[in-house]
Amino acid sequence: MFIAMVVIFVMGYIAIALEHPLKVDKAVSALAIGTLVWVAFILGAFDILTQGFSPGFQDFVMDHENLDSAGAKEFIGALAHTHGEESHHWIHLMKEWIVHNQIIHHLGEISEILFFLLGAMTIVEIVDQHDGFKIITDKIKTTNKLKLLWILSVLTFFMSATLDNLTTTIVMVALLRKLIEDKKTRWFYASMVVLAANAGGAWSPIGDVTTIMLWIGGQVTTLAIITRVIVPSIFTMIIPLILLSFTMKGEVARPNGDNFEEGVATPFEGKLMLIMGVSGLLFVPVFKTITHLPPYMGMLFSLSVLWLVTEIIHRNKSDEIKGKLLVHSIVRKVDLPTVFFFLGILSAVAALQSAGQLNILASYLDEKLQSIYLIDLAIGLLSAIVDNVPLVAGAMGMYPVETAASLEALALVDPNAVAYAENFVQDGVFWEFLAYCAGTGGSILIIGSAAGVAAMGLERIDFIWYVRKISLLALLGYFSGALVYYLQMKFIFGH
C-alpha cells in the first residue's frame, strides 16, 4: 500500500494534467486522489507505519511508550514482527492515530488555506461587482501587448510582496478579465502573473506561505530575506520578460461593455469598495503580526467589514439591485470548484507527508546531493510537482536552526563540520536560498503553487498548454535567479 499511495497520486496527477483531453474537471481528479490516498493509507496502516518512514508516527510512539528517538525507531522495527493480539492492538492504535490525529491535524492546516482563499475570492468578487476595478483598468490605457505585460508583471511583483502571491493572483486575474477579451491571450497574461506573483512573494516574509513559515520559525529575519533575495527574485521575473520582448508584438482586444448594467453601482460605491477591499487585503498581514492568529482570520474579519458596509449602503435599494450587489448573491459567483481542487490536492499531499514518502524524498536529496545549493534547487524543482509547503516543512524538520552554542559544541566534536553547519544558522544561506527556490520553483508548472492553482481554477488554464507556453520561461527565470543568488553570496556577502 505504501507504493500504491504514490501510484494513486501519480495517476491522479496525470488525470489533472490531461483535464481537457479527458473532458473531466480537474477538481474531480483532485478530490478522488485526496480521498483514495488516505484510503490506501488506512487499509495498509500496519505495513506502512512499521516501515519506520513516518516522522509523525515516530513522535506518536515516543509519547505513547515514553521513549527517546532511538528507542522509538527500535520499537517500530520490532513492532513489524509482532503477531496476534499485540499486532491487532497496534493496528487499532494506528487507525485511531490516522483518523483522530493526522487527518484532523492536516485538515486544520488545509482549512486555513481554503478559508483564506474563500475570503479573498469573495472580497475580490465584491469589488468586481461594484465595478471597483474599472478605476484601475481605466488608468491602464495601453493595448500594446508588450507594454501591458511589463506593467502587469511589475505591478504583480510588488503587490505580491505586500499582500501575498495567492491574494495578488486572484486580484490580477479579476483585472485581466476587464483588460483582455481573448481567452488564450488572457491565459498567457494570467500565467505570467503567476510567475511574477511567486517571484514577488519569495523575498518578502509575508509574500508566500513558505516564507511565512520560515519567518515564523525563526529561520529567516525580515531585513535579511528582503536584502538578499529581492535581486534574484527580480531576475526570475525579468529574464522571461526580456526574452518575450523580442517576440511579443501586436495589440490586445479589450472586452466590449461592462459586466453589469449601467447604474447598478454608483461611481462612489465602486471607489468605496475598491479602497475598502484593498485595505482589507492589506490589513491581513497587519492582523497576523499584531494578534499572531492565522492569516485566514484576518481575511474573514476584513470580509465581515465589507459585508456589513454593503448591507448598510444598499439597504434602501430595490430588490433587483440588492440581488446583484449584496454579498449573499455575490458569494454564489465565487468559484467553488477551485476550492474543491485545492482541498483534494492538499489532502493527497498531506497523506504522503503523513505516511513518510516525502520524508524519504527529503532524506534521499540530503544523502545524494550533499550541497545546500543543490538540495534547495532540487526542492524548488520538486515544488513544481508537489506542494512546496510540506517540502519546506520537511526541510525545517530535518535541519534544526544552528546557534552559536551548537556550533561551539560541534567544533569540539568535528571541527570540519562547522563550516557546513554555519549554513543553517538564522539567516543562513540554506534558509534564504530555500525561501527563493520553494517560492519560485512552483511557477515551472501551473499546479506547483497556490497562485498557479488559483489562476488555473479561475481561468480554466490547460495544464499542457502551460507546459508548452510558460514552463521553459519559468525554468530559465528560476535558474537565472538562482545563479544571481549564488554569485551575490560569493562575491558580495562573502559566503
Protein backbone atom coordinates (compact mmCIF):
# COMPACT_ATOMS: atom_id res chain seq x y z
CA MET A 1 0.00 0.00 0.00
CA PHE A 2 3.00 2.28 0.55
CA ILE A 3 3.77 2.14 -3.19
CA ALA A 4 0.04 2.16 -4.05
CA MET A 5 -0.33 5.58 -2.40
CA VAL A 6 2.32 7.00 -4.74
CA VAL A 7 0.75 5.27 -7.77
CA ILE A 8 -2.68 6.73 -6.94
CA PHE A 9 -1.16 10.20 -6.59
CA VAL A 10 0.73 9.94 -9.89
CA MET A 11 -2.35 8.63 -11.76
CA GLY A 12 -4.46 11.45 -10.36
CA TYR A 13 -1.79 13.96 -11.27
CA ILE A 14 -1.80 12.67 -14.86
CA ALA A 15 -5.61 12.96 -14.95
CA ILE A 16 -5.33 16.60 -13.78
CA ALA A 17 -2.71 17.30 -16.45
CA LEU A 18 -4.96 15.74 -19.13
CA GLU A 19 -8.10 17.53 -17.94
CA HIS A 20 -9.02 18.88 -21.37
CA PRO A 21 -8.42 15.73 -23.46
CA LEU A 22 -10.26 13.62 -20.86
CA LYS A 23 -13.03 16.24 -20.53
CA VAL A 24 -13.09 15.62 -16.77
CA ASP A 25 -12.82 18.64 -14.46
CA LYS A 26 -9.55 18.64 -12.52
CA ALA A 27 -11.48 19.08 -9.26
CA VAL A 28 -12.92 15.58 -9.79
CA SER A 29 -9.46 14.01 -10.10
CA ALA A 30 -8.11 16.04 -7.16
CA LEU A 31 -10.97 15.05 -4.85
CA ALA A 32 -10.64 11.42 -5.91
CA ILE A 33 -6.92 11.18 -5.11
CA GLY A 34 -7.40 13.30 -1.98
CA THR A 35 -9.67 10.52 -0.71
CA LEU A 36 -8.15 7.38 -2.23
CA VAL A 37 -4.61 8.07 -1.00
CA TRP A 38 -5.93 8.20 2.58
CA VAL A 39 -7.99 5.03 1.94
CA ALA A 40 -4.83 3.19 0.84
CA PHE A 41 -3.01 4.58 3.88
CA ILE A 42 -5.53 3.38 6.46
CA LEU A 43 -6.04 -0.02 4.80
CA GLY A 44 -2.30 -0.67 4.85
CA ALA A 45 -1.63 1.25 8.07
CA PHE A 46 0.30 -1.51 9.88
CA ASP A 47 2.60 -2.39 6.97
CA ILE A 48 3.16 1.27 6.06
CA LEU A 49 3.86 2.62 9.54
CA THR A 50 6.07 -0.26 10.71
CA GLN A 51 8.49 0.55 7.86
CA GLY A 52 9.61 3.47 10.02
CA PHE A 53 9.43 6.24 7.42
CA SER A 54 6.71 8.34 9.10
CA PRO A 55 8.17 11.05 11.39
CA GLY A 56 4.71 11.73 12.81
CA PHE A 57 4.20 8.11 13.86
CA GLN A 58 7.65 8.03 15.42
CA ASP A 59 6.66 11.05 17.54
CA PHE A 60 3.44 9.24 18.49
CA VAL A 61 5.38 6.14 19.62
CA MET A 62 7.81 8.31 21.62
CA ASP A 63 4.89 9.86 23.52
CA HIS A 64 2.87 6.64 23.85
CA GLU A 65 5.77 4.45 25.03
CA ASN A 66 7.80 7.20 26.77
CA LEU A 67 10.86 6.59 24.57
CA ASP A 68 13.54 8.74 23.01
CA SER A 69 14.05 8.95 19.24
CA ALA A 70 16.41 5.97 19.01
CA GLY A 71 14.17 3.86 21.25
CA ALA A 72 11.11 4.70 19.15
CA LYS A 73 12.87 3.62 15.95
CA GLU A 74 13.89 0.33 17.57
CA PHE A 75 10.36 -0.21 18.92
CA ILE A 76 8.78 0.39 15.48
CA GLY A 77 11.25 -2.04 13.90
CA ALA A 78 10.32 -4.72 16.46
CA LEU A 79 6.62 -3.96 16.03
CA ALA A 80 6.78 -5.13 12.41
CA HIS A 81 7.42 -8.70 13.62
CA THR A 82 4.59 -8.89 16.17
CA HIS A 83 1.55 -11.13 15.65
CA GLY A 84 -1.77 -11.92 17.26
CA GLU A 85 -3.27 -9.73 19.93
CA GLU A 86 -0.42 -7.25 20.12
CA SER A 87 -0.47 -6.55 16.38
CA HIS A 88 -4.27 -6.14 16.45
CA HIS A 89 -3.90 -3.70 19.33
CA TRP A 90 -1.40 -1.62 17.36
CA ILE A 91 -3.46 -1.79 14.15
CA HIS A 92 -6.32 -0.25 16.14
CA LEU A 93 -4.00 2.41 17.60
CA MET A 94 -2.58 3.23 14.16
CA LYS A 95 -6.01 3.70 12.62
CA GLU A 96 -7.04 5.87 15.56
CA TRP A 97 -3.85 7.91 15.09
CA ILE A 98 -4.52 8.36 11.35
CA VAL A 99 -8.16 9.39 11.79
CA HIS A 100 -8.07 11.41 15.00
CA ASN A 101 -4.56 12.81 14.84
CA GLN A 102 -3.21 13.07 11.29
CA ILE A 103 -6.38 13.79 9.32
CA ILE A 104 -7.57 16.33 11.89
CA HIS A 105 -4.11 17.95 12.01
CA HIS A 106 -3.80 18.25 8.23
CA LEU A 107 -7.43 19.28 7.83
CA GLY A 108 -6.73 22.19 10.16
CA GLU A 109 -3.81 23.36 8.01
CA ILE A 110 -5.75 22.84 4.77
CA SER A 111 -8.79 24.66 6.15
CA GLU A 112 -6.66 27.70 6.93
CA ILE A 113 -5.71 27.90 3.24
CA LEU A 114 -9.25 27.22 2.00
CA PHE A 115 -10.91 29.80 4.25
CA PHE A 116 -8.21 32.31 3.30
CA LEU A 117 -8.91 31.57 -0.37
CA LEU A 118 -12.69 31.80 0.06
CA GLY A 119 -12.40 35.12 1.92
CA ALA A 120 -10.03 36.63 -0.65
CA MET A 121 -12.11 35.44 -3.61
CA THR A 122 -15.29 36.86 -2.06
CA ILE A 123 -13.67 40.25 -1.35
CA VAL A 124 -12.39 40.43 -4.93
CA GLU A 125 -15.83 39.48 -6.25
CA ILE A 126 -17.48 42.21 -4.13
CA VAL A 127 -15.10 44.84 -5.56
CA ASP A 128 -15.65 43.48 -9.06
CA GLN A 129 -19.46 43.53 -8.80
CA HIS A 130 -19.31 47.15 -7.67
CA ASP A 131 -17.14 47.97 -10.71
CA GLY A 132 -14.26 48.94 -8.43
CA PHE A 133 -11.57 47.51 -10.70
CA LYS A 134 -12.75 49.80 -13.51
CA ILE A 135 -10.95 52.62 -11.69
CA ILE A 136 -7.64 50.74 -12.15
CA THR A 137 -8.29 49.42 -15.65
CA ASP A 138 -9.25 52.90 -16.83
CA LYS A 139 -5.74 54.05 -15.80
CA ILE A 140 -4.12 51.34 -17.93
CA LYS A 141 -4.62 52.88 -21.36
CA THR A 142 -2.15 50.84 -23.39
CA THR A 143 -3.29 47.94 -25.53
CA ASN A 144 0.26 47.14 -26.65
CA LYS A 145 0.88 43.52 -25.64
CA LEU A 146 4.46 44.00 -24.50
CA LYS A 147 3.88 47.22 -22.54
CA LEU A 148 0.84 45.70 -20.87
CA LEU A 149 2.84 42.60 -19.92
CA TRP A 150 5.60 44.67 -18.29
CA ILE A 151 3.11 46.89 -16.43
CA LEU A 152 1.10 43.96 -15.07
CA SER A 153 4.18 41.90 -14.16
CA VAL A 154 5.89 44.72 -12.22
CA LEU A 155 2.60 45.62 -10.51
CA THR A 156 2.06 41.98 -9.56
CA PHE A 157 5.65 41.58 -8.30
CA PHE A 158 5.37 44.35 -5.72
CA MET A 159 1.73 43.68 -4.82
CA SER A 160 2.65 40.07 -4.05
CA ALA A 161 5.33 41.17 -1.59
CA THR A 162 2.83 43.42 0.20
CA LEU A 163 -0.22 41.14 0.15
CA ASP A 164 0.82 37.59 -0.76
CA ASN A 165 1.10 35.70 -4.03
CA LEU A 166 -2.28 33.96 -3.73
CA THR A 167 -4.34 37.08 -3.00
CA THR A 168 -2.45 39.10 -5.62
CA THR A 169 -3.12 36.47 -8.29
CA ILE A 170 -6.84 36.48 -7.52
CA VAL A 171 -6.93 40.29 -7.78
CA MET A 172 -4.88 40.38 -11.00
CA VAL A 173 -6.96 37.69 -12.72
CA ALA A 174 -10.04 39.80 -11.95
CA LEU A 175 -8.26 42.78 -13.55
CA LEU A 176 -7.27 40.77 -16.62
CA ARG A 177 -10.92 39.95 -17.31
CA LYS A 178 -11.50 43.69 -17.66
CA LEU A 179 -8.44 44.24 -19.86
CA ILE A 180 -8.27 41.28 -22.26
CA GLU A 181 -11.08 39.64 -24.19
CA ASP A 182 -9.37 36.70 -25.95
CA LYS A 183 -9.24 33.61 -23.72
CA LYS A 184 -5.84 32.26 -24.80
CA THR A 185 -4.24 35.70 -24.56
CA ARG A 186 -5.71 36.07 -21.08
CA TRP A 187 -4.30 32.62 -20.19
CA PHE A 188 -0.83 33.83 -21.17
CA TYR A 189 -1.05 37.00 -19.10
CA ALA A 190 -2.54 35.13 -16.13
CA SER A 191 0.34 32.64 -16.33
CA MET A 192 2.89 35.46 -16.35
CA VAL A 193 1.06 36.95 -13.37
CA VAL A 194 1.62 33.65 -11.54
CA LEU A 195 5.35 33.82 -12.35
CA ALA A 196 5.60 37.44 -11.16
CA ALA A 197 3.49 36.76 -8.04
CA ASN A 198 5.66 33.83 -6.97
CA ALA A 199 8.83 35.84 -7.60
CA GLY A 200 7.45 38.76 -5.60
CA GLY A 201 6.36 36.52 -2.74
CA ALA A 202 9.77 34.84 -2.35
CA TRP A 203 11.65 37.89 -1.00
CA SER A 204 9.00 39.11 1.43
CA PRO A 205 8.41 37.48 4.84
CA ILE A 206 4.64 37.74 4.22
CA GLY A 207 4.63 37.15 0.46
CA ASP A 208 4.33 33.36 0.36
CA VAL A 209 3.22 30.58 2.71
CA THR A 210 6.73 29.09 2.75
CA THR A 211 8.46 32.39 3.57
CA ILE A 212 5.87 32.96 6.30
CA MET A 213 6.73 29.50 7.70
CA LEU A 214 10.46 30.25 7.69
CA TRP A 215 9.90 33.71 9.15
CA ILE A 216 7.68 32.45 11.99
CA GLY A 217 10.02 29.51 12.61
CA GLY A 218 12.98 31.86 13.13
CA GLN A 219 15.00 30.57 10.16
CA VAL A 220 14.99 33.99 8.47
CA THR A 221 14.54 37.59 9.57
CA THR A 222 12.77 40.38 7.70
CA LEU A 223 15.70 42.58 6.70
CA ALA A 224 17.98 39.70 5.64
CA ILE A 225 15.38 37.95 3.44
CA ILE A 226 14.50 41.22 1.70
CA THR A 227 18.06 42.43 1.05
CA ARG A 228 19.47 39.09 -0.10
CA VAL A 229 16.56 37.57 -2.07
CA ILE A 230 14.96 40.58 -3.79
CA VAL A 231 17.58 40.81 -6.58
CA PRO A 232 17.42 37.08 -7.51
CA SER A 233 13.61 37.34 -7.44
CA ILE A 234 13.72 40.32 -9.81
CA PHE A 235 15.85 38.31 -12.24
CA THR A 236 13.38 35.42 -12.01
CA MET A 237 10.68 37.73 -13.33
CA ILE A 238 12.73 39.94 -15.64
CA ILE A 239 14.58 37.28 -17.68
CA PRO A 240 11.34 35.82 -19.13
CA LEU A 241 10.10 39.36 -19.80
CA ILE A 242 13.30 40.27 -21.67
CA LEU A 243 13.04 37.10 -23.76
CA LEU A 244 9.40 37.87 -24.58
CA SER A 245 10.35 41.43 -25.54
CA PHE A 246 11.99 40.05 -28.70
CA THR A 247 8.98 38.02 -29.82
CA MET A 248 5.80 39.64 -28.47
CA LYS A 249 4.09 42.06 -30.84
CA GLY A 250 0.62 43.38 -31.52
CA GLU A 251 -2.31 44.74 -29.55
CA VAL A 252 -4.76 43.17 -27.12
CA ALA A 253 -8.50 43.41 -27.66
CA ARG A 254 -10.40 44.95 -24.76
CA PRO A 255 -13.77 43.46 -23.71
CA ASN A 256 -16.79 45.29 -25.07
CA GLY A 257 -19.04 46.86 -22.46
CA ASP A 258 -19.23 46.27 -18.72
CA ASN A 259 -20.02 43.10 -16.89
CA PHE A 260 -23.19 44.54 -15.38
CA GLU A 261 -25.81 47.15 -16.10
CA GLU A 262 -25.12 50.88 -16.01
CA GLY A 263 -26.21 52.43 -12.74
CA VAL A 264 -26.31 49.25 -10.63
CA ALA A 265 -23.38 50.55 -8.56
CA THR A 266 -22.58 54.26 -8.37
CA PRO A 267 -19.03 55.57 -9.00
CA PHE A 268 -18.79 56.43 -5.30
CA GLU A 269 -19.72 52.87 -4.31
CA GLY A 270 -17.14 51.50 -6.76
CA LYS A 271 -14.37 53.66 -5.26
CA LEU A 272 -15.50 52.83 -1.72
CA MET A 273 -15.44 49.07 -2.35
CA LEU A 274 -12.06 49.26 -4.11
CA ILE A 275 -10.48 51.21 -1.24
CA MET A 276 -12.08 49.02 1.41
CA GLY A 277 -11.29 45.80 -0.48
CA VAL A 278 -7.60 46.61 -0.97
CA SER A 279 -7.35 47.94 2.60
CA GLY A 280 -8.96 44.74 3.86
CA LEU A 281 -6.42 42.61 2.00
CA LEU A 282 -3.51 44.77 3.21
CA PHE A 283 -4.86 44.50 6.75
CA VAL A 284 -4.37 40.72 6.82
CA PRO A 285 -0.57 40.68 7.43
CA VAL A 286 -1.00 43.53 9.95
CA PHE A 287 -3.67 41.49 11.77
CA LYS A 288 -1.37 38.47 11.85
CA THR A 289 1.58 40.47 13.17
CA ILE A 290 -0.46 42.09 15.94
CA THR A 291 -2.55 39.09 17.05
CA HIS A 292 -0.31 36.14 15.99
CA LEU A 293 -3.51 34.47 14.78
CA PRO A 294 -3.63 32.67 11.40
CA PRO A 295 -3.99 34.91 8.30
CA TYR A 296 -7.40 33.44 7.37
CA MET A 297 -8.93 35.04 10.48
CA GLY A 298 -7.77 38.46 9.35
CA MET A 299 -9.18 37.75 5.89
CA LEU A 300 -12.55 36.69 7.30
CA PHE A 301 -12.64 39.79 9.53
CA SER A 302 -11.97 42.01 6.50
CA LEU A 303 -14.76 40.22 4.65
CA SER A 304 -17.16 40.79 7.56
CA VAL A 305 -16.45 44.54 7.45
CA LEU A 306 -17.07 44.74 3.70
CA TRP A 307 -20.19 42.63 4.09
CA LEU A 308 -21.52 44.97 6.78
CA VAL A 309 -20.85 48.06 4.65
CA THR A 310 -22.64 46.60 1.61
CA GLU A 311 -25.66 45.75 3.80
CA ILE A 312 -25.77 49.37 5.04
CA ILE A 313 -25.26 51.22 1.74
CA HIS A 314 -27.74 49.06 -0.20
CA ARG A 315 -30.45 48.60 2.45
CA ASN A 316 -32.85 51.14 0.90
CA LYS A 317 -32.42 50.00 -2.71
CA SER A 318 -34.72 47.87 -4.83
CA ASP A 319 -34.70 44.09 -4.55
CA GLU A 320 -33.31 43.85 -8.10
CA ILE A 321 -30.20 45.90 -7.22
CA LYS A 322 -29.83 44.14 -3.87
CA GLY A 323 -29.88 40.85 -5.75
CA LYS A 324 -26.77 41.93 -7.67
CA LEU A 325 -24.77 43.83 -5.05
CA LEU A 326 -25.43 42.17 -1.69
CA VAL A 327 -22.90 39.59 -0.59
CA HIS A 328 -25.38 36.72 -0.24
CA SER A 329 -25.85 36.99 -4.03
CA ILE A 330 -22.22 37.78 -4.88
CA VAL A 331 -20.92 34.76 -2.97
CA ARG A 332 -22.69 32.47 -5.47
CA LYS A 333 -20.27 33.70 -8.13
CA VAL A 334 -17.22 32.50 -6.15
CA ASP A 335 -15.51 29.64 -7.98
CA LEU A 336 -16.12 26.67 -5.66
CA PRO A 337 -14.55 24.05 -7.99
CA THR A 338 -11.19 25.81 -7.40
CA VAL A 339 -11.70 25.42 -3.65
CA PHE A 340 -12.51 21.71 -4.06
CA PHE A 341 -9.43 21.31 -6.26
CA PHE A 342 -7.26 22.82 -3.54
CA LEU A 343 -8.87 20.55 -0.95
CA GLY A 344 -8.17 17.41 -2.97
CA ILE A 345 -4.57 18.21 -3.90
CA LEU A 346 -3.55 19.36 -0.42
CA SER A 347 -5.27 16.35 1.17
CA ALA A 348 -3.39 13.93 -1.11
CA VAL A 349 -0.03 15.58 -0.38
CA ALA A 350 -0.82 15.53 3.35
CA ALA A 351 -1.29 11.75 3.20
CA LEU A 352 2.11 11.31 1.52
CA GLN A 353 3.65 13.51 4.19
CA SER A 354 1.96 11.57 6.99
CA ALA A 355 2.88 8.13 5.64
CA GLY A 356 6.50 9.13 5.07
CA GLN A 357 7.01 9.20 1.29
CA LEU A 358 8.01 12.88 1.40
CA ASN A 359 10.41 12.17 4.25
CA ILE A 360 12.13 9.52 2.13
CA LEU A 361 12.41 12.05 -0.68
CA ALA A 362 13.96 14.69 1.60
CA SER A 363 16.43 12.18 3.07
CA TYR A 364 17.40 10.98 -0.40
CA LEU A 365 18.15 14.53 -1.53
CA ASP A 366 20.27 15.18 1.52
CA GLU A 367 22.23 11.94 1.13
CA LYS A 368 22.83 12.10 -2.63
CA LEU A 369 23.34 15.82 -3.29
CA GLN A 370 25.31 16.87 -0.19
CA SER A 371 25.28 20.53 -1.24
CA ILE A 372 22.97 23.15 0.20
CA TYR A 373 22.60 24.81 -3.20
CA LEU A 374 21.77 21.55 -4.98
CA ILE A 375 19.38 20.46 -2.21
CA ASP A 376 17.48 23.76 -2.37
CA LEU A 377 17.43 23.72 -6.18
CA ALA A 378 16.01 20.20 -6.12
CA ILE A 379 13.36 21.19 -3.55
CA GLY A 380 12.39 24.10 -5.82
CA LEU A 381 12.04 21.81 -8.84
CA LEU A 382 10.05 19.29 -6.81
CA SER A 383 7.76 22.07 -5.59
CA ALA A 384 6.54 22.36 -9.19
CA ILE A 385 5.05 18.87 -8.74
CA VAL A 386 4.42 18.53 -5.01
CA ASP A 387 3.10 21.40 -2.88
CA ASN A 388 6.02 23.45 -1.54
CA VAL A 389 4.55 23.71 1.98
CA PRO A 390 5.22 20.08 3.06
CA LEU A 391 8.60 20.17 1.29
CA VAL A 392 9.68 23.22 3.28
CA ALA A 393 8.11 21.78 6.43
CA GLY A 394 10.15 18.62 5.84
CA ALA A 395 13.35 20.64 5.42
CA MET A 396 12.59 22.60 8.60
CA GLY A 397 12.12 19.31 10.43
CA MET A 398 15.32 17.76 9.09
CA TYR A 399 17.62 20.69 9.79
CA PRO A 400 17.49 22.49 13.16
CA VAL A 401 18.46 26.16 13.30
CA GLU A 402 22.07 26.23 14.45
CA THR A 403 23.06 28.62 17.24
CA ALA A 404 26.42 29.92 18.45
CA ALA A 405 26.29 27.39 21.30
CA SER A 406 25.54 24.44 19.00
CA LEU A 407 28.37 25.47 16.64
CA GLU A 408 30.80 25.66 19.56
CA ALA A 409 29.75 22.19 20.71
CA LEU A 410 30.13 20.84 17.17
CA ALA A 411 33.62 22.38 16.88
CA LEU A 412 34.74 20.25 19.82
CA VAL A 413 33.44 17.06 18.20
CA ASP A 414 34.06 17.65 14.48
CA PRO A 415 35.76 20.96 13.57
CA ASN A 416 35.49 20.17 9.85
CA ALA A 417 31.69 20.10 10.05
CA VAL A 418 31.37 23.64 11.43
CA ALA A 419 31.65 25.39 8.03
CA TYR A 420 28.78 23.31 6.64
CA ALA A 421 26.66 23.77 9.79
CA GLU A 422 27.03 27.56 9.56
CA ASN A 423 24.73 27.46 6.54
CA PHE A 424 21.88 26.52 8.89
CA VAL A 425 22.10 29.39 11.37
CA GLN A 426 19.37 32.02 11.39
CA ASP A 427 19.58 33.88 8.05
CA GLY A 428 21.96 31.19 6.84
CA VAL A 429 22.43 30.53 3.12
CA PHE A 430 20.38 27.31 3.23
CA TRP A 431 17.24 29.00 4.62
CA GLU A 432 17.39 32.08 2.37
CA PHE A 433 18.01 30.03 -0.76
CA LEU A 434 15.24 27.62 0.31
CA ALA A 435 12.84 30.58 0.52
CA TYR A 436 13.82 31.60 -3.02
CA CYS A 437 13.71 28.11 -4.54
CA ALA A 438 10.49 26.94 -2.87
CA GLY A 439 8.80 30.26 -3.66
CA THR A 440 9.73 30.49 -7.34
CA GLY A 441 10.14 26.83 -8.37
CA GLY A 442 6.37 26.31 -8.27
CA SER A 443 6.00 28.56 -11.33
CA ILE A 444 7.51 25.87 -13.56
CA LEU A 445 4.17 24.02 -13.59
CA ILE A 446 0.74 25.63 -13.18
CA ILE A 447 -0.10 23.19 -10.40
CA GLY A 448 3.11 23.89 -8.49
CA SER A 449 1.98 26.87 -6.39
CA ALA A 450 -1.10 28.20 -4.66
CA ALA A 451 -1.06 31.16 -7.06
CA GLY A 452 -0.88 28.83 -10.06
CA VAL A 453 -3.69 26.61 -8.80
CA ALA A 454 -5.87 29.68 -8.19
CA ALA A 455 -5.21 31.05 -11.69
CA MET A 456 -5.78 27.60 -13.20
CA GLY A 457 -9.13 27.32 -11.44
CA LEU A 458 -10.32 30.86 -12.10
CA GLU A 459 -9.35 30.95 -15.80
CA ARG A 460 -9.58 27.20 -16.57
CA ILE A 461 -5.98 27.23 -17.84
CA ASP A 462 -4.99 23.98 -19.52
CA PHE A 463 -2.08 22.14 -17.86
CA ILE A 464 -0.49 21.01 -21.14
CA TRP A 465 -0.86 24.49 -22.66
CA TYR A 466 1.02 25.95 -19.68
CA VAL A 467 3.82 23.40 -20.07
CA ARG A 468 4.21 24.30 -23.76
CA LYS A 469 3.97 28.09 -23.43
CA ILE A 470 5.25 29.02 -19.96
CA SER A 471 7.27 26.24 -18.28
CA LEU A 472 10.52 26.88 -20.19
CA LEU A 473 10.34 30.62 -19.50
CA ALA A 474 9.71 29.93 -15.81
CA LEU A 475 12.59 27.42 -15.71
CA LEU A 476 15.01 29.94 -17.28
CA GLY A 477 13.89 32.59 -14.80
CA TYR A 478 14.28 30.13 -11.91
CA PHE A 479 17.87 29.17 -12.77
CA SER A 480 18.78 32.79 -13.60
CA GLY A 481 17.67 33.96 -10.17
CA ALA A 482 19.45 31.02 -8.52
CA LEU A 483 22.69 31.93 -10.31
CA VAL A 484 22.34 35.56 -9.25
CA TYR A 485 21.82 34.47 -5.62
CA TYR A 486 24.91 32.24 -5.74
CA LEU A 487 27.08 34.99 -7.28
CA GLN A 488 25.95 37.69 -4.87
CA MET A 489 26.55 35.44 -1.85
CA LYS A 490 30.00 34.50 -3.16
CA PHE A 491 31.23 37.95 -4.24
CA ILE A 492 29.16 40.47 -2.25
CA PHE A 493 28.26 38.80 1.04
CA GLY A 494 31.37 36.58 1.16
CA HIS A 495 29.72 33.18 1.75
